[in-house]
């Protein structure tokens, strides 16, 4: 049984972050400055998922263990990219990192699940 969400607005930010990871490309990022920063902020900084167990968010931002798993699948490559490049590089450098396609694929999968809920 899926849990109800206590903070639907913050969940909406997570869903928007996932959509941005999928939508942003080296070709369109110049027209959407700040979006990558916003996406990282909503998915990592606002949730503290880089420091705390994602499962602790069930009932707050996430509904169940399936949602936890897809978020963890995004965080793994995303945190690897951020760890390798740091927080202040030009957006295009993140997109060129070898793990970025993993971020995009996992974010697309997570977005499908969380956006349908």
C-alpha atoms as a PDB file:
ATOM      1  CA  UNK A   1       0.000   0.000   0.000  1.00  0.00           C
ATOM      2  CA  UNK A   2       1.400   3.367  -1.023  1.00  0.00           C
ATOM      3  CA  UNK A   3       1.758   6.119   1.553  1.00  0.00           C
ATOM      4  CA  UNK A   4       0.066   9.469   1.198  1.00  0.00           C
ATOM      5  CA  UNK A   5       2.377  12.419   0.629  1.00  0.00           C
ATOM      6  CA  UNK A   6       2.727  14.983   3.399  1.00  0.00           C
ATOM      7  CA  UNK A   7       4.580  17.554   1.251  1.00  0.00           C
ATOM      8  CA  UNK A   8       3.117  17.448  -2.271  1.00  0.00           C
ATOM      9  CA  UNK A   9       4.705  20.788  -3.232  1.00  0.00           C
ATOM     10  CA  UNK A  10       8.190  19.533  -2.464  1.00  0.00           C
ATOM     11  CA  UNK A  11       7.384  16.296  -4.280  1.00  0.00           C
ATOM     12  CA  UNK A  12       6.417  18.478  -7.240  1.00  0.00           C
ATOM     13  CA  UNK A  13       9.885  20.020  -7.133  1.00  0.00           C
ATOM     14  CA  UNK A  14      11.420  16.527  -7.258  1.00  0.00           C
ATOM     15  CA  UNK A  15       9.255  15.627 -10.251  1.00  0.00           C
ATOM     16  CA  UNK A  16      10.237  18.905 -11.964  1.00  0.00           C
ATOM     17  CA  UNK A  17      13.925  18.208 -11.256  1.00  0.00           C
ATOM     18  CA  UNK A  18      13.621  14.794 -12.900  1.00  0.00           C
ATOM     19  CA  UNK A  19      11.959  16.374 -15.939  1.00  0.00           C
ATOM     20  CA  UNK A  20      14.753  18.929 -16.210  1.00  0.00           C
ATOM     21  CA  UNK A  21      17.482  16.280 -16.095  1.00  0.00           C
ATOM     22  CA  UNK A  22      15.799  14.668 -19.088  1.00  0.00           C
ATOM     23  CA  UNK A  23      15.041  17.873 -20.998  1.00  0.00           C
ATOM     24  CA  UNK A  24      18.326  19.725 -20.620  1.00  0.00           C
ATOM     25  CA  UNK A  25      20.897  19.204 -23.356  1.00  0.00           C
ATOM     26  CA  UNK A  26      24.075  21.006 -24.365  1.00  0.00           C
ATOM     27  CA  UNK A  27      22.086  22.513 -27.225  1.00  0.00           C
ATOM     28  CA  UNK A  28      19.284  24.038 -25.164  1.00  0.00           C
ATOM     29  CA  UNK A  29      20.949  24.820 -21.836  1.00  0.00           C
ATOM     30  CA  UNK A  30      21.985  28.288 -22.999  1.00  0.00           C
ATOM     31  CA  UNK A  31      18.316  29.131 -23.397  1.00  0.00           C
ATOM     32  CA  UNK A  32      17.465  27.789 -19.935  1.00  0.00           C
ATOM     33  CA  UNK A  33      20.146  29.151 -17.593  1.00  0.00           C
ATOM     34  CA  UNK A  34      19.891  28.056 -14.001  1.00  0.00           C
ATOM     35  CA  UNK A  35      17.735  25.010 -14.711  1.00  0.00           C
ATOM     36  CA  UNK A  36      20.476  22.501 -13.955  1.00  0.00           C
ATOM     37  CA  UNK A  37      21.250  24.300 -10.696  1.00  0.00           C
ATOM     38  CA  UNK A  38      17.546  24.269  -9.826  1.00  0.00           C
ATOM     39  CA  UNK A  39      17.240  20.566 -10.630  1.00  0.00           C
ATOM     40  CA  UNK A  40      20.222  19.653  -8.438  1.00  0.00           C
ATOM     41  CA  UNK A  41      18.941  21.919  -5.686  1.00  0.00           C
ATOM     42  CA  UNK A  42      15.453  20.342  -5.713  1.00  0.00           C
ATOM     43  CA  UNK A  43      16.695  16.752  -5.938  1.00  0.00           C
ATOM     44  CA  UNK A  44      19.723  16.879  -3.651  1.00  0.00           C
ATOM     45  CA  UNK A  45      19.932  20.019  -1.534  1.00  0.00           C
ATOM     46  CA  UNK A  46      16.268  20.270  -0.537  1.00  0.00           C
ATOM     47  CA  UNK A  47      15.928  16.559   0.225  1.00  0.00           C
ATOM     48  CA  UNK A  48      19.340  15.834   1.787  1.00  0.00           C
ATOM     49  CA  UNK A  49      19.251  12.539  -0.111  1.00  0.00           C
ATOM     50  CA  UNK A  50      23.005  12.756  -0.501  1.00  0.00           C
ATOM     51  CA  UNK A  51      23.290  12.508   3.288  1.00  0.00           C
ATOM     52  CA  UNK A  52      20.207  10.559   4.409  1.00  0.00           C
ATOM     53  CA  UNK A  53      18.439   7.365   3.430  1.00  0.00           C
ATOM     54  CA  UNK A  54      15.962   8.036   0.629  1.00  0.00           C
ATOM     55  CA  UNK A  55      13.561   5.560   2.255  1.00  0.00           C
ATOM     56  CA  UNK A  56      13.115   8.009   5.134  1.00  0.00           C
ATOM     57  CA  UNK A  57      11.107  10.143   2.691  1.00  0.00           C
ATOM     58  CA  UNK A  58       8.274   7.616   2.311  1.00  0.00           C
ATOM     59  CA  UNK A  59       5.115   9.413   3.342  1.00  0.00           C
ATOM     60  CA  UNK A  60       6.778  12.805   3.054  1.00  0.00           C
ATOM     61  CA  UNK A  61       7.937  13.051  -0.580  1.00  0.00           C
ATOM     62  CA  UNK A  62       7.734   9.474  -1.830  1.00  0.00           C
ATOM     63  CA  UNK A  63       4.947   6.914  -1.728  1.00  0.00           C
ATOM     64  CA  UNK A  64       6.702   3.552  -1.563  1.00  0.00           C
ATOM     65  CA  UNK A  65       9.851   1.470  -2.019  1.00  0.00           C
ATOM     66  CA  UNK A  66       9.505   1.507  -5.818  1.00  0.00           C
ATOM     67  CA  UNK A  67       9.805   5.282  -5.771  1.00  0.00           C
ATOM     68  CA  UNK A  68      12.770   5.036  -3.404  1.00  0.00           C
ATOM     69  CA  UNK A  69      14.522   2.655  -5.813  1.00  0.00           C
ATOM     70  CA  UNK A  70      14.087   4.890  -8.855  1.00  0.00           C
ATOM     71  CA  UNK A  71      15.297   7.958  -6.961  1.00  0.00           C
ATOM     72  CA  UNK A  72      18.351   6.045  -5.724  1.00  0.00           C
ATOM     73  CA  UNK A  73      19.019   5.040  -9.336  1.00  0.00           C
ATOM     74  CA  UNK A  74      19.155   8.732 -10.282  1.00  0.00           C
ATOM     75  CA  UNK A  75      21.239   9.767  -7.309  1.00  0.00           C
ATOM     76  CA  UNK A  76      23.975   7.193  -7.925  1.00  0.00           C
ATOM     77  CA  UNK A  77      25.202   8.595 -11.253  1.00  0.00           C
ATOM     78  CA  UNK A  78      24.237  12.185 -10.433  1.00  0.00           C
ATOM     79  CA  UNK A  79      26.294  12.244  -7.256  1.00  0.00           C
ATOM     80  CA  UNK A  80      29.186  10.596  -9.127  1.00  0.00           C
ATOM     81  CA  UNK A  81      29.093  13.385 -11.722  1.00  0.00           C
ATOM     82  CA  UNK A  82      28.830  16.094  -9.074  1.00  0.00           C
ATOM     83  CA  UNK A  83      31.618  14.481  -7.065  1.00  0.00           C
ATOM     84  CA  UNK A  84      33.903  14.346 -10.073  1.00  0.00           C
ATOM     85  CA  UNK A  85      33.254  17.875 -11.321  1.00  0.00           C
ATOM     86  CA  UNK A  86      32.245  19.840  -8.239  1.00  0.00           C
ATOM     87  CA  UNK A  87      29.428  22.357  -7.991  1.00  0.00           C
ATOM     88  CA  UNK A  88      30.515  25.294 -10.143  1.00  0.00           C
ATOM     89  CA  UNK A  89      31.381  24.054 -13.624  1.00  0.00           C
ATOM     90  CA  UNK A  90      29.580  25.238 -16.744  1.00  0.00           C
ATOM     91  CA  UNK A  91      26.494  23.087 -17.312  1.00  0.00           C
ATOM     92  CA  UNK A  92      27.820  21.629 -20.552  1.00  0.00           C
ATOM     93  CA  UNK A  93      30.700  19.975 -18.661  1.00  0.00           C
ATOM     94  CA  UNK A  94      28.212  17.956 -16.618  1.00  0.00           C
ATOM     95  CA  UNK A  95      26.455  16.880 -19.813  1.00  0.00           C
ATOM     96  CA  UNK A  96      29.774  15.694 -21.246  1.00  0.00           C
ATOM     97  CA  UNK A  97      30.629  13.535 -18.234  1.00  0.00           C
ATOM     98  CA  UNK A  98      30.626   9.808 -19.045  1.00  0.00           C
ATOM     99  CA  UNK A  99      27.933   9.106 -16.395  1.00  0.00           C
ATOM    100  CA  UNK A 100      25.531  11.833 -17.577  1.00  0.00           C
ATOM    101  CA  UNK A 101      23.607   9.490 -19.914  1.00  0.00           C
ATOM    102  CA  UNK A 102      22.975   7.314 -16.842  1.00  0.00           C
ATOM    103  CA  UNK A 103      21.526  10.350 -15.036  1.00  0.00           C
ATOM    104  CA  UNK A 104      19.205  11.090 -17.959  1.00  0.00           C
ATOM    105  CA  UNK A 105      18.010   7.483 -18.348  1.00  0.00           C
ATOM    106  CA  UNK A 106      17.386   7.028 -14.631  1.00  0.00           C
ATOM    107  CA  UNK A 107      15.666  10.422 -14.365  1.00  0.00           C
ATOM    108  CA  UNK A 108      13.349   9.536 -17.258  1.00  0.00           C
ATOM    109  CA  UNK A 109      12.405   6.282 -15.548  1.00  0.00           C
ATOM    110  CA  UNK A 110      11.879   7.996 -12.186  1.00  0.00           C
ATOM    111  CA  UNK A 111       9.863  10.793 -13.767  1.00  0.00           C
ATOM    112  CA  UNK A 112       7.502   8.289 -15.403  1.00  0.00           C
ATOM    113  CA  UNK A 113       6.831   6.614 -12.054  1.00  0.00           C
ATOM    114  CA  UNK A 114       6.542   9.695  -9.856  1.00  0.00           C
ATOM    115  CA  UNK A 115       4.624  11.824 -12.347  1.00  0.00           C
ATOM    116  CA  UNK A 116       1.955   9.138 -12.780  1.00  0.00           C
ATOM    117  CA  UNK A 117       1.347   8.823  -9.066  1.00  0.00           C
END
